[in-house]
Amino acid sequence: MKTEVFIAGGGVGGLALAAKLASRGVHVTIAEQLKSKSNAYKGELLQPKTLAILDRLGVLDEIEASGHVIDQLRFHEINIRPNDAPEPLQLTELNYSRVASRYDHALMVPHERTKDILREKGKEYEEFFHYLPGARFLGFEGGMAQVRHQKKIFHIKAQVYIGAEGRTSPTRDAMNVSVKRKDYNHHFLTVTIPRPETFTKGKIITTTGSFLGLFPLPNNEIRTVYLIKAGEFKKIKEKGLEHLYRAYGELEPELAETVKSLDDWRQIQLMIPYTYHVDRYYSGNLALIGDAAHTVHPMAGEGMNLAIQDADVLGELLAWCKEEGKPYHENLHYYEDVRKPRVSFLLTLSHMSALVYSFPNPWWRKLRMRAVQRIYDDDQLHVKQMLNISGLGRWNFSLVDRAIQGSVLPVRSKQISDDKQHQKLFSEAEDYPWRFEQKGKV
């Protein structure tokens, strides 16, 4: 079997890449080992840059109709009071509207729904889109992809091979890249439960030693993320579901009853956060996207977004090569040039966010509360934080910013103008530099 681009893995990154390529007349074949939908928790928060990419793919209306808008991030510090409502200490709201873009919100969409929409979009270009469900990519043999499908093993010859398999990646193994990994002192329990109709805003609730992330989904559901110490899941299970009911109710009384819809520990997924980043995104005619190349701590909600943003840049590059008659493998460096520094930046940002909630000390909590509030009080900090996590641009934090955040310097009173922000948004020349360099414009 022959194709122009072979993609191992039909997750959101692989599907976004395939849909883009097929829409531009590049023949693509996807091997996806799952035959049906997965119940495992995967990313659901779509950041503004991802919404812009999905808009260009022509699927944003469907995505928006399938999601719940997250227009702000709310950070609520409380004290737990047994047999009473929690004592509120600080509520800080960071707003996506501070980013000067028409993509002024994030969106919570069930992961499998996003995949369905991208897969159906690819099928609109049936001449170029070839999807193989239940097909396991085994690695490479004789310079071709070896795939097991319907109890048969066959080979696929392509001009470019893309590893989008996730954390276990035969493509990455074949590239023999170096991987740097970080582990954390905490794990998460994650589960979806019913939510009251009035509970429409996302919220992160914290005490000295507790963390509960709440992110509304459509259909009156809410994704919950509860932090535990690393290695304590077994002990928590031994305490029974009543222990979890009580923990949720103490942190957020509105969910005290709906959490009782859980009646089996099998409904609760243990999520073990760790990060890694490969030293190379391509080798010869092989390239990596998404979790095959990098994983990010989930605190900033970037994992799935990085995969789609990888797919956007790589898809535009490969489509341009096809349209301009350029050799694919000679131009793959552009993909790494654009994506690797951006991913490194967001890996660091997510890592720093994780550290903020990693230590159950009263003095550390005071520092956290002060730092989060300062982000809101100082408009430049507010804009930088939201712009950076949105993916729409990059504005580095300076030493002065950090001094203000740490209360060493006073808050600035100046509001950041849209014109100033526009200088920090990624331009087409930054997203797709090959178009301009090849024309002598950069």
Protein backbone atom coordinates (compact mmCIF):
# COMPACT_ATOMS: atom_id res chain seq x y z
CA MET A 1 0.00 0.00 0.00
CA LYS A 2 1.25 3.50 -0.84
CA THR A 3 0.39 6.92 0.56
CA GLU A 4 2.04 10.31 0.73
CA VAL A 5 1.82 10.73 4.50
CA PHE A 6 1.37 7.91 7.00
CA ILE A 7 0.14 8.81 10.50
CA ALA A 8 0.46 6.33 13.35
CA GLY A 9 -2.31 7.23 15.79
CA GLY A 10 -5.80 8.61 15.29
CA GLY A 11 -6.13 10.86 18.35
CA VAL A 12 -7.00 14.53 18.05
CA GLY A 13 -3.51 15.45 16.85
CA GLY A 14 -3.35 12.78 14.18
CA LEU A 15 -6.89 13.51 13.03
CA ALA A 16 -6.33 17.27 12.88
CA LEU A 17 -3.21 16.71 10.80
CA ALA A 18 -4.95 14.25 8.50
CA ALA A 19 -7.98 16.49 7.98
CA LYS A 20 -5.77 19.45 7.10
CA LEU A 21 -3.64 17.43 4.67
CA ALA A 22 -6.62 15.81 2.98
CA SER A 23 -8.30 19.20 2.56
CA ARG A 24 -5.19 20.37 0.69
CA GLY A 25 -4.96 17.37 -1.62
CA VAL A 26 -2.29 15.37 0.22
CA HIS A 27 -3.05 11.66 0.41
CA VAL A 28 -2.91 10.52 4.02
CA THR A 29 -3.38 7.17 5.76
CA ILE A 30 -4.07 6.88 9.49
CA ALA A 31 -3.58 3.69 11.48
CA GLU A 32 -5.59 3.87 14.73
CA GLN A 33 -5.38 0.86 17.02
CA LEU A 34 -8.73 1.51 18.79
CA LYS A 35 -11.85 0.14 17.14
CA SER A 36 -14.31 2.06 19.31
CA LYS A 37 -14.47 5.06 21.62
CA SER A 38 -12.29 5.14 24.70
CA ASN A 39 -13.58 5.75 28.22
CA ALA A 40 -10.17 6.89 29.43
CA TYR A 41 -9.82 10.52 30.43
CA LYS A 42 -8.18 12.66 27.78
CA GLY A 43 -7.89 16.41 27.39
CA GLU A 44 -11.14 18.34 26.97
CA LEU A 45 -10.13 22.00 27.35
CA LEU A 46 -9.63 23.67 23.98
CA GLN A 47 -7.59 26.88 24.26
CA PRO A 48 -8.17 29.96 22.02
CA LYS A 49 -5.30 29.19 19.60
CA THR A 50 -6.77 25.73 19.08
CA LEU A 51 -10.18 27.25 18.39
CA ALA A 52 -8.56 29.48 15.75
CA ILE A 53 -7.00 26.40 14.11
CA LEU A 54 -10.30 24.52 14.19
CA ASP A 55 -11.98 27.56 12.65
CA ARG A 56 -9.60 27.42 9.69
CA LEU A 57 -10.34 23.71 9.37
CA GLY A 58 -14.03 24.58 9.05
CA VAL A 59 -15.23 22.72 12.16
CA LEU A 60 -15.47 25.46 14.79
CA ASP A 61 -19.26 25.82 14.61
CA GLU A 62 -19.68 22.12 15.39
CA ILE A 63 -17.07 22.29 18.13
CA GLU A 64 -18.72 25.31 19.74
CA ALA A 65 -22.13 23.63 19.59
CA SER A 66 -20.66 20.59 21.35
CA GLY A 67 -18.91 22.44 24.16
CA HIS A 68 -19.25 24.56 27.26
CA VAL A 69 -17.64 28.01 27.22
CA ILE A 70 -14.89 28.73 29.75
CA ASP A 71 -14.40 32.51 29.68
CA GLN A 72 -12.46 32.82 32.91
CA LEU A 73 -10.36 30.81 35.35
CA ARG A 74 -11.49 31.15 38.97
CA PHE A 75 -9.12 30.46 41.85
CA HIS A 76 -10.89 30.04 45.17
CA GLU A 77 -8.90 29.71 48.40
CA ILE A 78 -10.93 28.43 51.36
CA ASN A 79 -10.66 26.94 54.80
CA ILE A 80 -12.58 23.73 55.46
CA ARG A 81 -14.99 23.86 58.39
CA PRO A 82 -16.35 20.47 59.52
CA ASN A 83 -20.15 20.35 59.53
CA ASP A 84 -20.32 23.85 58.06
CA ALA A 85 -19.85 25.64 54.75
CA PRO A 86 -16.21 26.38 53.85
CA GLU A 87 -14.76 29.72 54.89
CA PRO A 88 -13.91 31.80 51.78
CA LEU A 89 -10.51 33.47 51.92
CA GLN A 90 -9.82 34.71 48.39
CA LEU A 91 -11.50 34.50 44.99
CA THR A 92 -9.46 35.57 41.98
CA GLU A 93 -10.87 35.55 38.44
CA LEU A 94 -8.54 35.61 35.44
CA ASN A 95 -10.32 36.40 32.19
CA TYR A 96 -9.69 35.25 28.64
CA SER A 97 -11.32 38.50 27.51
CA ARG A 98 -8.09 40.32 28.43
CA VAL A 99 -6.51 38.79 25.31
CA ALA A 100 -7.00 41.03 22.28
CA SER A 101 -8.45 38.38 19.97
CA ARG A 102 -11.86 37.38 18.74
CA TYR A 103 -11.07 33.95 20.17
CA ASP A 104 -11.78 35.22 23.66
CA HIS A 105 -12.64 32.02 25.52
CA ALA A 106 -11.69 28.41 25.98
CA LEU A 107 -14.10 25.52 25.50
CA MET A 108 -14.74 22.25 27.31
CA VAL A 109 -15.65 19.57 24.76
CA PRO A 110 -15.87 15.80 25.41
CA HIS A 111 -12.69 14.35 23.95
CA GLU A 112 -14.36 11.71 21.81
CA ARG A 113 -16.72 14.32 20.37
CA THR A 114 -13.74 16.37 19.16
CA LYS A 115 -12.30 13.26 17.55
CA ASP A 116 -15.62 12.46 15.86
CA ILE A 117 -15.85 15.95 14.37
CA LEU A 118 -12.27 15.87 13.04
CA ARG A 119 -12.70 12.36 11.61
CA GLU A 120 -15.92 13.33 9.83
CA LYS A 121 -14.19 16.40 8.43
CA GLY A 122 -11.44 14.23 7.00
CA LYS A 123 -14.00 11.92 5.39
CA GLU A 124 -15.30 14.86 3.34
CA TYR A 125 -12.09 14.44 1.31
CA GLU A 126 -12.49 10.73 0.73
CA GLU A 127 -10.09 10.69 -2.22
CA PHE A 128 -7.24 11.72 0.08
CA PHE A 129 -8.32 10.53 3.56
CA HIS A 130 -7.81 6.87 4.42
CA TYR A 131 -8.65 5.86 8.03
CA LEU A 132 -7.90 2.37 9.38
CA PRO A 133 -9.61 1.63 12.74
CA GLY A 134 -8.33 -1.31 14.73
CA ALA A 135 -4.96 -1.07 12.97
CA ARG A 136 -1.87 -1.41 15.16
CA PHE A 137 1.35 0.21 14.01
CA LEU A 138 4.17 -2.23 14.82
CA GLY A 139 7.17 -0.19 13.72
CA PHE A 140 9.26 -0.05 10.56
CA GLU A 141 10.53 -2.81 8.32
CA GLY A 142 12.41 -2.25 5.09
CA GLY A 143 11.82 1.51 5.33
CA MET A 144 8.02 1.02 5.44
CA ALA A 145 5.41 1.14 8.20
CA GLN A 146 4.39 -2.31 9.41
CA VAL A 147 0.71 -2.49 10.40
CA ARG A 148 -1.47 -5.28 11.78
CA HIS A 149 -5.06 -4.91 10.61
CA GLN A 150 -7.87 -7.49 10.59
CA LYS A 151 -5.45 -10.23 11.69
CA LYS A 152 -3.10 -9.51 8.78
CA ILE A 153 0.24 -7.75 8.70
CA PHE A 154 0.99 -5.50 5.75
CA HIS A 155 3.33 -2.66 4.87
CA ILE A 156 2.61 0.96 3.99
CA LYS A 157 5.09 2.95 1.93
CA ALA A 158 4.95 6.72 2.43
CA GLN A 159 7.02 9.78 1.71
CA VAL A 160 6.64 10.98 5.32
CA TYR A 161 5.87 8.99 8.48
CA ILE A 162 4.30 10.78 11.44
CA GLY A 163 4.29 9.43 14.99
CA ALA A 164 1.09 10.51 16.73
CA GLU A 165 0.79 7.36 18.85
CA GLY A 166 0.99 9.07 22.22
CA ARG A 167 3.28 8.30 25.12
CA THR A 168 4.24 4.85 23.78
CA SER A 169 5.59 5.63 20.33
CA PRO A 170 7.31 3.16 17.99
CA THR A 171 8.11 6.11 15.73
CA ARG A 172 9.96 7.83 18.56
CA ASP A 173 11.82 4.59 19.27
CA ALA A 174 12.86 4.34 15.63
CA MET A 175 14.19 7.90 15.72
CA ASN A 176 16.36 7.09 18.76
CA VAL A 177 15.74 10.49 20.32
CA SER A 178 16.77 11.60 23.80
CA VAL A 179 13.94 12.17 26.31
CA LYS A 180 14.10 14.28 29.47
CA ARG A 181 11.44 13.39 32.03
CA LYS A 182 10.15 15.05 35.22
CA ASP A 183 7.94 13.37 37.83
CA TYR A 184 5.83 15.01 40.53
CA ASN A 185 4.96 14.49 44.20
CA HIS A 186 1.24 14.24 43.48
CA HIS A 187 -1.31 12.35 41.41
CA PHE A 188 -4.89 13.18 40.43
CA LEU A 189 -8.22 11.40 40.64
CA THR A 190 -10.40 12.44 37.76
CA VAL A 191 -14.04 11.69 37.08
CA THR A 192 -17.11 13.21 35.45
CA ILE A 193 -20.20 13.71 37.63
CA PRO A 194 -23.54 15.52 37.22
CA ARG A 195 -23.52 19.24 37.98
CA PRO A 196 -26.24 21.63 39.05
CA GLU A 197 -27.52 23.76 36.16
CA THR A 198 -26.36 26.92 37.94
CA PHE A 199 -22.76 25.67 38.20
CA THR A 200 -21.48 27.09 34.91
CA LYS A 201 -18.04 28.50 35.69
CA GLY A 202 -14.77 26.62 35.92
CA LYS A 203 -13.13 26.79 39.33
CA ILE A 204 -10.00 25.65 41.15
CA ILE A 205 -10.62 25.27 44.88
CA THR A 206 -7.64 25.05 47.21
CA THR A 207 -6.78 24.86 50.89
CA THR A 208 -3.38 24.42 52.51
CA GLY A 209 -3.37 20.74 51.54
CA SER A 210 -6.29 20.21 49.10
CA PHE A 211 -6.88 20.89 45.42
CA LEU A 212 -10.09 20.34 43.44
CA GLY A 213 -10.40 21.45 39.81
CA LEU A 214 -13.93 21.75 38.44
CA PHE A 215 -14.55 22.24 34.71
CA PRO A 216 -18.14 22.25 33.39
CA LEU A 217 -19.01 20.12 30.38
CA PRO A 218 -22.18 20.31 28.28
CA ASN A 219 -25.23 18.21 29.23
CA ASN A 220 -25.03 19.26 32.89
CA GLU A 221 -21.84 17.34 33.61
CA ILE A 222 -18.62 18.48 35.21
CA ARG A 223 -15.09 17.15 34.94
CA THR A 224 -13.45 17.01 38.36
CA VAL A 225 -9.75 16.70 39.14
CA TYR A 226 -8.81 15.94 42.74
CA LEU A 227 -5.18 16.08 43.87
CA ILE A 228 -3.74 13.33 46.09
CA LYS A 229 -0.23 12.52 47.27
CA ALA A 230 1.73 10.25 44.95
CA GLY A 231 1.21 6.60 45.89
CA GLU A 232 -1.86 7.17 48.10
CA PHE A 233 -4.59 5.93 45.76
CA LYS A 234 -4.71 2.48 47.38
CA LYS A 235 -5.08 3.97 50.87
CA ILE A 236 -7.86 6.28 49.68
CA LYS A 237 -9.73 3.37 48.11
CA GLU A 238 -9.50 1.49 51.39
CA LYS A 239 -11.30 4.39 53.10
CA GLY A 240 -14.25 3.91 50.71
CA LEU A 241 -16.25 6.20 48.47
CA GLU A 242 -17.72 7.96 51.52
CA HIS A 243 -14.28 9.47 52.08
CA LEU A 244 -14.36 10.95 48.56
CA TYR A 245 -17.95 12.16 48.97
CA ARG A 246 -16.96 13.97 52.16
CA ALA A 247 -13.84 15.53 50.59
CA TYR A 248 -15.82 16.91 47.63
CA GLY A 249 -18.64 18.20 49.85
CA GLU A 250 -16.24 20.00 52.18
CA LEU A 251 -14.54 21.75 49.28
CA GLU A 252 -17.63 22.49 47.16
CA PRO A 253 -21.01 22.02 48.89
CA GLU A 254 -22.87 22.43 45.57
CA LEU A 255 -21.48 19.04 44.51
CA ALA A 256 -22.03 17.27 47.82
CA GLU A 257 -25.01 15.31 46.44
CA THR A 258 -24.06 14.90 42.78
CA VAL A 259 -20.72 13.29 43.69
CA LYS A 260 -22.73 10.48 45.24
CA SER A 261 -23.65 9.37 41.72
CA LEU A 262 -20.29 7.57 41.88
CA ASP A 263 -20.93 4.02 43.04
CA ASP A 264 -17.83 2.18 41.84
CA TRP A 265 -14.11 2.99 41.99
CA ARG A 266 -13.86 1.87 38.38
CA GLN A 267 -15.57 5.15 37.44
CA ILE A 268 -12.58 7.03 38.86
CA GLN A 269 -9.37 7.28 36.87
CA LEU A 270 -5.95 7.71 38.45
CA MET A 271 -3.91 10.24 36.49
CA ILE A 272 -0.16 10.26 37.10
CA PRO A 273 1.32 13.53 35.85
CA TYR A 274 4.81 13.65 34.42
CA THR A 275 6.47 15.62 31.68
CA TYR A 276 9.04 14.85 29.01
CA HIS A 277 10.34 16.51 25.89
CA VAL A 278 12.31 14.94 23.06
CA ASP A 279 15.48 16.56 21.78
CA ARG A 280 14.44 16.22 18.12
CA TYR A 281 11.02 16.43 16.43
CA TYR A 282 12.12 14.88 13.13
CA SER A 283 14.74 12.62 11.64
CA GLY A 284 14.96 12.00 7.91
CA ASN A 285 11.35 11.54 6.81
CA LEU A 286 10.03 10.74 10.32
CA ALA A 287 8.38 13.32 12.58
CA LEU A 288 6.60 13.36 15.95
CA ILE A 289 3.56 15.29 17.15
CA GLY A 290 1.65 15.52 20.42
CA ASP A 291 2.44 13.15 23.27
CA ALA A 292 4.89 11.25 21.12
CA ALA A 293 7.12 14.33 21.30
CA HIS A 294 6.15 15.91 24.62
CA THR A 295 3.86 15.61 27.60
CA VAL A 296 2.87 18.50 29.80
CA HIS A 297 1.63 18.72 33.37
CA PRO A 298 -2.18 19.04 33.15
CA MET A 299 -2.37 22.08 35.45
CA ALA A 300 -2.48 24.60 32.59
CA GLY A 301 -4.70 22.50 30.31
CA GLU A 302 -2.29 22.45 27.38
CA GLY A 303 -1.70 18.79 26.41
CA MET A 304 -4.30 18.25 23.71
CA ASN A 305 -3.83 21.82 22.50
CA LEU A 306 -0.13 21.30 21.90
CA ALA A 307 -0.96 18.26 19.75
CA ILE A 308 -3.43 20.19 17.59
CA GLN A 309 -1.04 23.12 17.31
CA ASP A 310 1.73 20.73 16.26
CA ALA A 311 -0.62 19.32 13.64
CA ASP A 312 -1.46 22.78 12.32
CA VAL A 313 2.16 23.80 11.72
CA LEU A 314 3.24 20.42 10.34
CA GLY A 315 0.12 20.14 8.18
CA GLU A 316 0.65 23.57 6.66
CA LEU A 317 4.29 22.72 5.98
CA LEU A 318 3.60 19.39 4.29
CA ALA A 319 0.74 20.87 2.25
CA TRP A 320 3.02 23.70 1.12
CA CYS A 321 5.69 21.18 0.10
CA LYS A 322 3.13 19.34 -2.02
CA GLU A 323 1.82 22.52 -3.63
CA GLU A 324 5.28 23.96 -4.32
CA GLY A 325 6.92 20.69 -5.34
CA LYS A 326 9.40 20.84 -2.45
CA PRO A 327 10.90 17.65 -0.94
CA TYR A 328 9.15 16.88 2.34
CA HIS A 329 12.19 15.66 4.25
CA GLU A 330 14.32 18.67 3.33
CA ASN A 331 11.86 21.07 4.96
CA LEU A 332 10.84 19.25 8.15
CA HIS A 333 13.29 21.41 10.12
CA TYR A 334 10.80 24.28 9.85
CA TYR A 335 8.33 22.28 11.94
CA GLU A 336 10.84 21.82 14.74
CA ASP A 337 12.04 25.42 14.45
CA VAL A 338 8.52 26.70 15.14
CA ARG A 339 7.12 24.18 17.57
CA LYS A 340 9.98 23.12 19.82
CA PRO A 341 10.61 26.52 21.48
CA ARG A 342 6.88 27.14 21.92
CA VAL A 343 6.35 23.76 23.51
CA SER A 344 9.38 24.26 25.78
CA PHE A 345 7.92 27.57 26.93
CA LEU A 346 4.53 26.06 27.76
CA LEU A 347 6.11 23.04 29.43
CA THR A 348 7.91 25.45 31.75
CA LEU A 349 4.75 27.49 32.33
CA SER A 350 2.75 24.37 33.21
CA HIS A 351 5.56 23.09 35.43
CA MET A 352 5.62 26.37 37.35
CA SER A 353 1.84 26.20 37.76
CA ALA A 354 2.17 22.68 39.14
CA LEU A 355 4.77 23.77 41.68
CA VAL A 356 2.40 26.45 42.96
CA TYR A 357 0.03 23.71 44.21
CA SER A 358 2.57 21.00 45.05
CA PHE A 359 3.54 21.88 48.61
CA PRO A 360 1.04 21.71 51.51
CA ASN A 361 2.66 24.37 53.68
CA PRO A 362 0.84 27.39 55.20
CA TRP A 363 3.66 29.78 54.25
CA TRP A 364 3.67 28.45 50.67
CA ARG A 365 -0.08 28.98 50.52
CA LYS A 366 0.33 32.62 51.54
CA LEU A 367 2.86 33.11 48.73
CA ARG A 368 0.48 31.43 46.27
CA MET A 369 -2.49 33.56 47.29
CA ARG A 370 -0.47 36.74 46.99
CA ALA A 371 0.99 35.73 43.60
CA VAL A 372 -2.37 34.77 42.09
CA GLN A 373 -4.02 37.97 43.27
CA ARG A 374 -1.15 40.06 41.93
CA ILE A 375 -1.69 38.53 38.47
CA TYR A 376 -5.20 39.96 38.54
CA ASP A 377 -4.28 43.32 40.10
CA ASP A 378 -1.49 44.08 37.62
CA ASP A 379 -2.94 44.21 34.11
CA GLN A 380 0.35 43.38 32.41
CA LEU A 381 0.65 40.20 34.47
CA HIS A 382 -3.00 39.39 33.76
CA VAL A 383 -2.58 39.84 30.01
CA LYS A 384 0.69 37.91 29.88
CA GLN A 385 -0.71 34.95 31.81
CA MET A 386 -3.85 34.63 29.69
CA LEU A 387 -2.06 35.34 26.40
CA ASN A 388 0.53 32.67 27.10
CA ILE A 389 -1.88 29.91 28.10
CA SER A 390 -4.19 30.82 25.20
CA GLY A 391 -1.48 29.80 22.72
CA LEU A 392 -2.25 32.84 20.59
CA GLY A 393 1.06 34.48 21.32
CA ARG A 394 3.99 34.66 23.67
CA TRP A 395 4.99 37.40 26.08
CA ASN A 396 7.80 36.44 28.42
CA PHE A 397 7.66 37.29 32.10
CA SER A 398 10.43 39.68 33.17
CA LEU A 399 12.26 39.99 36.48
CA VAL A 400 10.13 43.06 37.17
CA ASP A 401 6.98 41.00 36.60
CA ARG A 402 8.14 38.37 39.05
CA ALA A 403 9.08 41.03 41.61
CA ILE A 404 5.59 42.51 41.34
CA GLN A 405 4.04 39.06 41.61
CA GLY A 406 6.08 38.43 44.75
CA SER A 407 5.08 41.80 46.26
CA VAL A 408 8.65 43.10 46.11
CA LEU A 409 7.49 45.89 43.78
CA PRO A 410 4.11 47.67 43.69
CA VAL A 411 1.38 46.83 41.19
CA ARG A 412 1.44 48.87 37.97
CA SER A 413 -1.67 50.94 37.26
CA LYS A 414 -1.29 51.07 33.47
CA GLN A 415 -3.73 49.06 31.34
CA ILE A 416 -2.24 47.14 28.40
CA SER A 417 -3.58 48.35 25.05
CA ASP A 418 -4.76 46.07 22.26
CA ASP A 419 -2.06 47.51 20.00
CA LYS A 420 0.61 46.44 22.50
CA GLN A 421 -0.88 42.95 22.66
CA HIS A 422 -1.04 42.62 18.90
CA GLN A 423 2.76 42.89 18.84
CA LYS A 424 2.90 39.71 20.94
CA LEU A 425 0.38 37.61 18.99
CA PHE A 426 1.90 35.05 16.65
CA SER A 427 1.90 36.29 13.06
CA GLU A 428 1.60 34.09 9.98
CA ALA A 429 5.30 34.69 9.37
CA GLU A 430 6.03 33.23 12.82
CA ASP A 431 3.58 30.32 12.45
CA TYR A 432 4.58 29.42 8.89
CA PRO A 433 8.00 31.00 8.22
CA TRP A 434 8.83 28.87 5.17
CA ARG A 435 6.23 30.72 3.11
CA PHE A 436 8.06 33.99 3.66
CA GLU A 437 11.68 32.86 3.79
CA GLN A 438 11.34 31.09 0.45
CA LYS A 439 10.06 34.34 -1.06
CA GLY A 440 12.90 36.36 0.43
CA LYS A 441 10.55 38.32 2.72
CA VAL A 442 12.20 37.38 6.00
